[in-house]
Amino acid sequence: QLNMAKKKEEFLKEFREGPLLFKPTYKFDLYSDVYDTSEKKRKPAWTERILWKVKNIHEVASKEGELPEEEHPISVTLANYLSHMSYGISDHKPVTGTFKLEMKPLVSDPLVTLNAEGEWSADHDVLIRYSAVREFPNSAWDWIGLFQVAFRHVKDYVTYAWVEDDEIASNRDSKQVYMSASEIPKMGGEFLLCYYSNNLQSIVGISEPFQV
């Protein structure tokens, strides 16, 4: 029924679905994995479905609606699509889908380039050198954070330095700020630096990973 509707209804044609590799999800006797044994004996069916569609900005602007894959800023890949037969409180079985979302950068070059200078350890203050592109809208509220490599959110910083208050040197090409030794994690590990722009409300530069 769904496949027929996708062929007929225009708004459904662009939606995608993974392969149905699980058993029909309806209709079950309650608290069991036995299909309907009532008088009606309903025919098993896949009534729980997950469809998805990615609406890219470029697709909206394109007359054809078709663009090369590399021009799409967002791509979605279905990792798994399955039913959960152990749930028995309904005559339906729930279905879940797990997706991998890839967001391609809208700018190829970072607005700010960062480098951790010298050897980093909790035994002494450390230095950061950074440079920004000419048109970068910097702010006195910008900061550079020290993050573990596997960080997930901008608030996951270990410590940070204000780019203006902690600046110790500046020239036409770059600026230098410091971080206090008392703020550097003694346990060490692999870290990176991120420049946070207050005006853009986002991270606009990330250093290469380095050891502390």
C-alpha atoms as a PDB file:
ATOM      1  CA  GLN A   1       0.000   0.000   0.000  1.00  0.00           C
ATOM      2  CA  LEU A   2       2.807   2.403   0.882  1.00  0.00           C
ATOM      3  CA  ASN A   3       4.760   1.586  -2.285  1.00  0.00           C
ATOM      4  CA  MET A   4       1.642   2.220  -4.375  1.00  0.00           C
ATOM      5  CA  ALA A   5       1.080   5.530  -2.592  1.00  0.00           C
ATOM      6  CA  LYS A   6       4.707   6.561  -3.243  1.00  0.00           C
ATOM      7  CA  LYS A   7       4.167   6.040  -6.969  1.00  0.00           C
ATOM      8  CA  LYS A   8       0.916   8.000  -6.962  1.00  0.00           C
ATOM      9  CA  GLU A   9       1.408  10.821  -4.441  1.00  0.00           C
ATOM     10  CA  GLU A  10       3.900  13.453  -5.564  1.00  0.00           C
ATOM     11  CA  PHE A  11       4.929  14.516  -2.046  1.00  0.00           C
ATOM     12  CA  LEU A  12       5.931  10.928  -1.173  1.00  0.00           C
ATOM     13  CA  LYS A  13       8.092  10.243  -4.222  1.00  0.00           C
ATOM     14  CA  GLU A  14      11.253  11.827  -2.831  1.00  0.00           C
ATOM     15  CA  PHE A  15      11.071   9.992   0.493  1.00  0.00           C
ATOM     16  CA  ARG A  16      13.355   6.999   1.010  1.00  0.00           C
ATOM     17  CA  GLU A  17      13.069   3.854   3.105  1.00  0.00           C
ATOM     18  CA  GLY A  18      15.445   1.108   4.090  1.00  0.00           C
ATOM     19  CA  PRO A  19      14.870  -2.546   3.173  1.00  0.00           C
ATOM     20  CA  LEU A  20      12.172  -4.387   5.138  1.00  0.00           C
ATOM     21  CA  LEU A  21      14.317  -7.151   6.582  1.00  0.00           C
ATOM     22  CA  PHE A  22      12.182  -7.603   9.708  1.00  0.00           C
ATOM     23  CA  LYS A  23       8.920  -9.463  10.216  1.00  0.00           C
ATOM     24  CA  PRO A  24       5.546  -7.710   9.806  1.00  0.00           C
ATOM     25  CA  THR A  25       4.868  -5.570  12.873  1.00  0.00           C
ATOM     26  CA  TYR A  26       1.068  -5.960  13.091  1.00  0.00           C
ATOM     27  CA  LYS A  27      -1.199  -7.482  14.338  1.00  0.00           C
ATOM     28  CA  PHE A  28      -0.073  -9.372  17.451  1.00  0.00           C
ATOM     29  CA  ASP A  29      -1.833 -10.833  20.433  1.00  0.00           C
ATOM     30  CA  LEU A  30      -1.021  -8.693  23.452  1.00  0.00           C
ATOM     31  CA  TYR A  31       2.089  -9.589  25.442  1.00  0.00           C
ATOM     32  CA  SER A  32       3.239 -12.091  22.830  1.00  0.00           C
ATOM     33  CA  ASP A  33       4.989 -12.514  19.492  1.00  0.00           C
ATOM     34  CA  VAL A  34       2.033 -14.466  18.085  1.00  0.00           C
ATOM     35  CA  TYR A  35       0.106 -12.946  15.201  1.00  0.00           C
ATOM     36  CA  ASP A  36      -3.611 -12.230  15.613  1.00  0.00           C
ATOM     37  CA  THR A  37      -5.551 -15.278  16.826  1.00  0.00           C
ATOM     38  CA  SER A  38      -8.824 -13.423  17.275  1.00  0.00           C
ATOM     39  CA  GLU A  39     -11.883 -14.129  15.109  1.00  0.00           C
ATOM     40  CA  LYS A  40     -10.741 -11.543  12.580  1.00  0.00           C
ATOM     41  CA  LYS A  41      -7.292 -13.168  12.167  1.00  0.00           C
ATOM     42  CA  ARG A  42      -5.886 -10.060  10.538  1.00  0.00           C
ATOM     43  CA  LYS A  43      -3.244 -10.604   7.900  1.00  0.00           C
ATOM     44  CA  PRO A  44       0.266  -9.626   9.175  1.00  0.00           C
ATOM     45  CA  ALA A  45       1.439  -6.300   7.763  1.00  0.00           C
ATOM     46  CA  TRP A  46       4.342  -3.824   7.990  1.00  0.00           C
ATOM     47  CA  THR A  47       2.377  -0.932   9.475  1.00  0.00           C
ATOM     48  CA  GLU A  48       5.331   0.706  11.270  1.00  0.00           C
ATOM     49  CA  ARG A  49       7.582   2.441   8.739  1.00  0.00           C
ATOM     50  CA  ILE A  50      10.302   5.075   8.747  1.00  0.00           C
ATOM     51  CA  LEU A  51      10.726   7.291   5.685  1.00  0.00           C
ATOM     52  CA  TRP A  52      13.179  10.130   5.324  1.00  0.00           C
ATOM     53  CA  LYS A  53      14.094  12.927   2.968  1.00  0.00           C
ATOM     54  CA  VAL A  54      16.941  15.427   3.043  1.00  0.00           C
ATOM     55  CA  LYS A  55      15.967  18.870   1.830  1.00  0.00           C
ATOM     56  CA  ASN A  56      19.174  20.663   0.889  1.00  0.00           C
ATOM     57  CA  ILE A  57      19.444  24.403   0.386  1.00  0.00           C
ATOM     58  CA  HIS A  58      20.935  23.851  -3.075  1.00  0.00           C
ATOM     59  CA  GLU A  59      17.976  21.680  -4.064  1.00  0.00           C
ATOM     60  CA  VAL A  60      15.547  24.467  -3.259  1.00  0.00           C
ATOM     61  CA  ALA A  61      17.469  26.900  -5.438  1.00  0.00           C
ATOM     62  CA  SER A  62      17.966  24.437  -8.279  1.00  0.00           C
ATOM     63  CA  LYS A  63      15.394  24.313 -11.047  1.00  0.00           C
ATOM     64  CA  GLU A  64      16.264  20.723 -11.856  1.00  0.00           C
ATOM     65  CA  GLY A  65      16.256  19.553  -8.252  1.00  0.00           C
ATOM     66  CA  GLU A  66      19.186  17.269  -9.050  1.00  0.00           C
ATOM     67  CA  LEU A  67      22.741  18.167  -8.124  1.00  0.00           C
ATOM     68  CA  PRO A  68      25.990  16.172  -7.954  1.00  0.00           C
ATOM     69  CA  GLU A  69      26.412  14.479  -4.578  1.00  0.00           C
ATOM     70  CA  GLU A  70      29.510  16.531  -3.744  1.00  0.00           C
ATOM     71  CA  GLU A  71      27.444  19.734  -3.807  1.00  0.00           C
ATOM     72  CA  HIS A  72      25.025  18.520  -1.135  1.00  0.00           C
ATOM     73  CA  PRO A  73      25.980  20.005   2.267  1.00  0.00           C
ATOM     74  CA  ILE A  74      24.068  17.275   4.141  1.00  0.00           C
ATOM     75  CA  SER A  75      23.964  13.534   3.534  1.00  0.00           C
ATOM     76  CA  VAL A  76      22.074  10.858   5.480  1.00  0.00           C
ATOM     77  CA  THR A  77      22.919   7.160   5.541  1.00  0.00           C
ATOM     78  CA  LEU A  78      20.724   4.517   7.153  1.00  0.00           C
ATOM     79  CA  ALA A  79      22.808   2.421   9.551  1.00  0.00           C
ATOM     80  CA  ASN A  80      20.081   0.022  10.679  1.00  0.00           C
ATOM     81  CA  TYR A  81      16.313  -0.394  10.389  1.00  0.00           C
ATOM     82  CA  LEU A  82      14.671  -2.987  12.624  1.00  0.00           C
ATOM     83  CA  SER A  83      11.686  -3.957  14.727  1.00  0.00           C
ATOM     84  CA  HIS A  84      11.669  -4.794  18.435  1.00  0.00           C
ATOM     85  CA  MET A  85       9.712  -7.983  18.958  1.00  0.00           C
ATOM     86  CA  SER A  86      10.237  -8.084  22.740  1.00  0.00           C
ATOM     87  CA  TYR A  87       7.698  -5.292  23.346  1.00  0.00           C
ATOM     88  CA  GLY A  88       4.245  -6.726  23.964  1.00  0.00           C
ATOM     89  CA  ILE A  89       2.088  -3.975  25.470  1.00  0.00           C
ATOM     90  CA  SER A  90       0.480  -3.227  22.107  1.00  0.00           C
ATOM     91  CA  ASP A  91      -0.734  -5.212  19.116  1.00  0.00           C
ATOM     92  CA  HIS A  92       1.977  -3.344  17.145  1.00  0.00           C
ATOM     93  CA  LYS A  93       5.752  -3.843  17.432  1.00  0.00           C
ATOM     94  CA  PRO A  94       7.887  -0.674  17.501  1.00  0.00           C
ATOM     95  CA  VAL A  95      10.412   0.077  14.775  1.00  0.00           C
ATOM     96  CA  THR A  96      13.578   2.141  14.995  1.00  0.00           C
ATOM     97  CA  GLY A  97      16.059   3.484  12.507  1.00  0.00           C
ATOM     98  CA  THR A  98      19.607   4.644  13.194  1.00  0.00           C
ATOM     99  CA  PHE A  99      21.084   7.180  10.790  1.00  0.00           C
ATOM    100  CA  LYS A 100      24.519   8.584  10.112  1.00  0.00           C
ATOM    101  CA  LEU A 101      24.377  12.317   9.406  1.00  0.00           C
ATOM    102  CA  GLU A 102      27.268  14.009   7.622  1.00  0.00           C
ATOM    103  CA  MET A 103      27.335  17.799   7.434  1.00  0.00           C
ATOM    104  CA  LYS A 104      29.869  19.092   4.963  1.00  0.00           C
ATOM    105  CA  PRO A 105      31.467  22.474   5.752  1.00  0.00           C
ATOM    106  CA  LEU A 106      30.072  25.464   3.904  1.00  0.00           C
ATOM    107  CA  VAL A 107      33.532  27.069   3.891  1.00  0.00           C
ATOM    108  CA  SER A 108      36.608  25.188   2.740  1.00  0.00           C
ATOM    109  CA  ASP A 109      39.132  27.326   4.649  1.00  0.00           C
ATOM    110  CA  PRO A 110      38.916  28.127   8.387  1.00  0.00           C
ATOM    111  CA  LEU A 111      38.400  31.731   9.425  1.00  0.00           C
ATOM    112  CA  VAL A 112      41.015  31.310  12.164  1.00  0.00           C
ATOM    113  CA  THR A 113      44.186  29.177  12.131  1.00  0.00           C
ATOM    114  CA  LEU A 114      45.502  27.970  15.511  1.00  0.00           C
ATOM    115  CA  ASN A 115      48.786  26.470  16.689  1.00  0.00           C
ATOM    116  CA  ALA A 116      49.896  25.212  20.093  1.00  0.00           C
ATOM    117  CA  GLU A 117      53.437  26.546  20.508  1.00  0.00           C
ATOM    118  CA  GLY A 118      56.256  24.640  22.148  1.00  0.00           C
ATOM    119  CA  GLU A 119      55.844  21.807  24.622  1.00  0.00           C
ATOM    120  CA  TRP A 120      52.583  21.791  26.541  1.00  0.00           C
ATOM    121  CA  SER A 121      52.580  20.630  30.155  1.00  0.00           C
ATOM    122  CA  ALA A 122      51.112  21.595  33.530  1.00  0.00           C
ATOM    123  CA  ASP A 123      54.602  22.662  34.681  1.00  0.00           C
ATOM    124  CA  HIS A 124      54.578  26.043  32.960  1.00  0.00           C
ATOM    125  CA  ASP A 125      52.356  28.556  31.190  1.00  0.00           C
ATOM    126  CA  VAL A 126      51.724  27.673  27.554  1.00  0.00           C
ATOM    127  CA  LEU A 127      51.376  29.703  24.369  1.00  0.00           C
ATOM    128  CA  ILE A 128      48.881  29.773  21.505  1.00  0.00           C
ATOM    129  CA  ARG A 129      49.488  31.503  18.204  1.00  0.00           C
ATOM    130  CA  TYR A 130      46.593  32.277  15.887  1.00  0.00           C
ATOM    131  CA  SER A 131      45.815  34.253  12.753  1.00  0.00           C
ATOM    132  CA  ALA A 132      42.487  35.242  11.209  1.00  0.00           C
ATOM    133  CA  VAL A 133      41.415  36.070   7.682  1.00  0.00           C
ATOM    134  CA  ARG A 134      41.174  39.774   6.971  1.00  0.00           C
ATOM    135  CA  GLU A 135      37.366  39.936   6.886  1.00  0.00           C
ATOM    136  CA  PHE A 136      36.883  37.971  10.140  1.00  0.00           C
ATOM    137  CA  PRO A 137      34.483  39.865  12.514  1.00  0.00           C
ATOM    138  CA  ASN A 138      36.422  39.405  15.752  1.00  0.00           C
ATOM    139  CA  SER A 139      35.073  40.408  19.159  1.00  0.00           C
ATOM    140  CA  ALA A 140      36.473  41.115  22.626  1.00  0.00           C
ATOM    141  CA  TRP A 141      34.318  38.199  23.792  1.00  0.00           C
ATOM    142  CA  ASP A 142      36.032  35.632  21.546  1.00  0.00           C
ATOM    143  CA  TRP A 143      37.906  32.860  23.324  1.00  0.00           C
ATOM    144  CA  ILE A 144      40.162  29.901  22.600  1.00  0.00           C
ATOM    145  CA  GLY A 145      39.303  26.664  24.345  1.00  0.00           C
ATOM    146  CA  LEU A 146      41.392  23.603  25.127  1.00  0.00           C
ATOM    147  CA  PHE A 147      39.396  20.471  24.297  1.00  0.00           C
ATOM    148  CA  GLN A 148      39.973  16.748  24.434  1.00  0.00           C
ATOM    149  CA  VAL A 149      40.059  15.340  20.910  1.00  0.00           C
ATOM    150  CA  ALA A 150      36.748  13.480  21.323  1.00  0.00           C
ATOM    151  CA  PHE A 151      34.738  16.507  22.489  1.00  0.00           C
ATOM    152  CA  ARG A 152      31.072  16.698  21.452  1.00  0.00           C
ATOM    153  CA  HIS A 153      29.949  20.220  22.376  1.00  0.00           C
ATOM    154  CA  VAL A 154      31.423  23.694  22.567  1.00  0.00           C
ATOM    155  CA  LYS A 155      30.871  23.622  26.358  1.00  0.00           C
ATOM    156  CA  ASP A 156      33.109  20.559  26.726  1.00  0.00           C
ATOM    157  CA  TYR A 157      36.261  22.695  27.042  1.00  0.00           C
ATOM    158  CA  VAL A 158      38.839  21.854  29.715  1.00  0.00           C
ATOM    159  CA  THR A 159      39.877  25.496  30.001  1.00  0.00           C
ATOM    160  CA  TYR A 160      39.949  28.603  27.844  1.00  0.00           C
ATOM    161  CA  ALA A 161      41.726  31.908  27.256  1.00  0.00           C
ATOM    162  CA  TRP A 162      40.161  35.225  26.241  1.00  0.00           C
ATOM    163  CA  VAL A 163      41.785  36.320  23.003  1.00  0.00           C
ATOM    164  CA  GLU A 164      41.910  39.958  24.141  1.00  0.00           C
ATOM    165  CA  ASP A 165      42.534  39.763  27.907  1.00  0.00           C
ATOM    166  CA  ASP A 166      45.190  37.018  27.615  1.00  0.00           C
ATOM    167  CA  GLU A 167      46.991  38.423  24.578  1.00  0.00           C
ATOM    168  CA  ILE A 168      50.740  38.879  25.063  1.00  0.00           C
ATOM    169  CA  ALA A 169      51.975  39.631  21.544  1.00  0.00           C
ATOM    170  CA  SER A 170      50.603  40.820  18.235  1.00  0.00           C
ATOM    171  CA  ASN A 171      51.791  41.665  14.748  1.00  0.00           C
ATOM    172  CA  ARG A 172      50.250  42.085  11.320  1.00  0.00           C
ATOM    173  CA  ASP A 173      50.210  38.344  10.602  1.00  0.00           C
ATOM    174  CA  SER A 174      49.369  36.707  13.920  1.00  0.00           C
ATOM    175  CA  LYS A 175      48.617  37.099  17.618  1.00  0.00           C
ATOM    176  CA  GLN A 176      49.760  35.219  20.675  1.00  0.00           C
ATOM    177  CA  VAL A 177      47.857  34.425  23.899  1.00  0.00           C
ATOM    178  CA  TYR A 178      48.790  32.381  26.940  1.00  0.00           C
ATOM    179  CA  MET A 179      47.128  29.806  29.174  1.00  0.00           C
ATOM    180  CA  SER A 180      48.102  29.490  32.798  1.00  0.00           C
ATOM    181  CA  ALA A 181      49.912  26.325  33.880  1.00  0.00           C
ATOM    182  CA  SER A 182      47.372  25.912  36.695  1.00  0.00           C
ATOM    183  CA  GLU A 183      44.646  25.356  34.072  1.00  0.00           C
ATOM    184  CA  ILE A 184      46.470  22.663  32.079  1.00  0.00           C
ATOM    185  CA  PRO A 185      45.337  19.098  32.942  1.00  0.00           C
ATOM    186  CA  LYS A 186      48.035  17.197  34.815  1.00  0.00           C
ATOM    187  CA  MET A 187      46.907  13.807  33.472  1.00  0.00           C
ATOM    188  CA  GLY A 188      47.933  14.849  29.959  1.00  0.00           C
ATOM    189  CA  GLY A 189      46.601  13.253  26.807  1.00  0.00           C
ATOM    190  CA  GLU A 190      45.696  14.320  23.277  1.00  0.00           C
ATOM    191  CA  PHE A 191      44.028  17.715  22.934  1.00  0.00           C
ATOM    192  CA  LEU A 192      43.218  20.395  20.402  1.00  0.00           C
ATOM    193  CA  LEU A 193      42.445  24.114  20.417  1.00  0.00           C
ATOM    194  CA  CYS A 194      39.230  25.697  19.166  1.00  0.00           C
ATOM    195  CA  TYR A 195      38.568  29.363  18.474  1.00  0.00           C
ATOM    196  CA  TYR A 196      35.024  30.416  19.424  1.00  0.00           C
ATOM    197  CA  SER A 197      33.557  33.495  17.728  1.00  0.00           C
ATOM    198  CA  ASN A 198      31.033  35.423  19.799  1.00  0.00           C
ATOM    199  CA  ASN A 199      29.690  37.262  16.740  1.00  0.00           C
ATOM    200  CA  LEU A 200      29.167  34.075  14.738  1.00  0.00           C
ATOM    201  CA  GLN A 201      28.190  31.985  17.788  1.00  0.00           C
ATOM    202  CA  SER A 202      30.264  29.050  16.596  1.00  0.00           C
ATOM    203  CA  ILE A 203      33.712  27.500  16.438  1.00  0.00           C
ATOM    204  CA  VAL A 204      35.562  28.991  13.458  1.00  0.00           C
ATOM    205  CA  GLY A 205      38.989  27.398  13.823  1.00  0.00           C
ATOM    206  CA  ILE A 206      40.402  24.101  15.114  1.00  0.00           C
ATOM    207  CA  SER A 207      44.061  23.210  15.576  1.00  0.00           C
ATOM    208  CA  GLU A 208      45.754  19.944  14.762  1.00  0.00           C
ATOM    209  CA  PRO A 209      45.721  17.481  17.707  1.00  0.00           C
ATOM    210  CA  PHE A 210      48.735  17.682  20.039  1.00  0.00           C
ATOM    211  CA  GLN A 211      50.017  16.038  23.208  1.00  0.00           C
ATOM    212  CA  VAL A 212      49.984  17.558  26.681  1.00  0.00           C
END
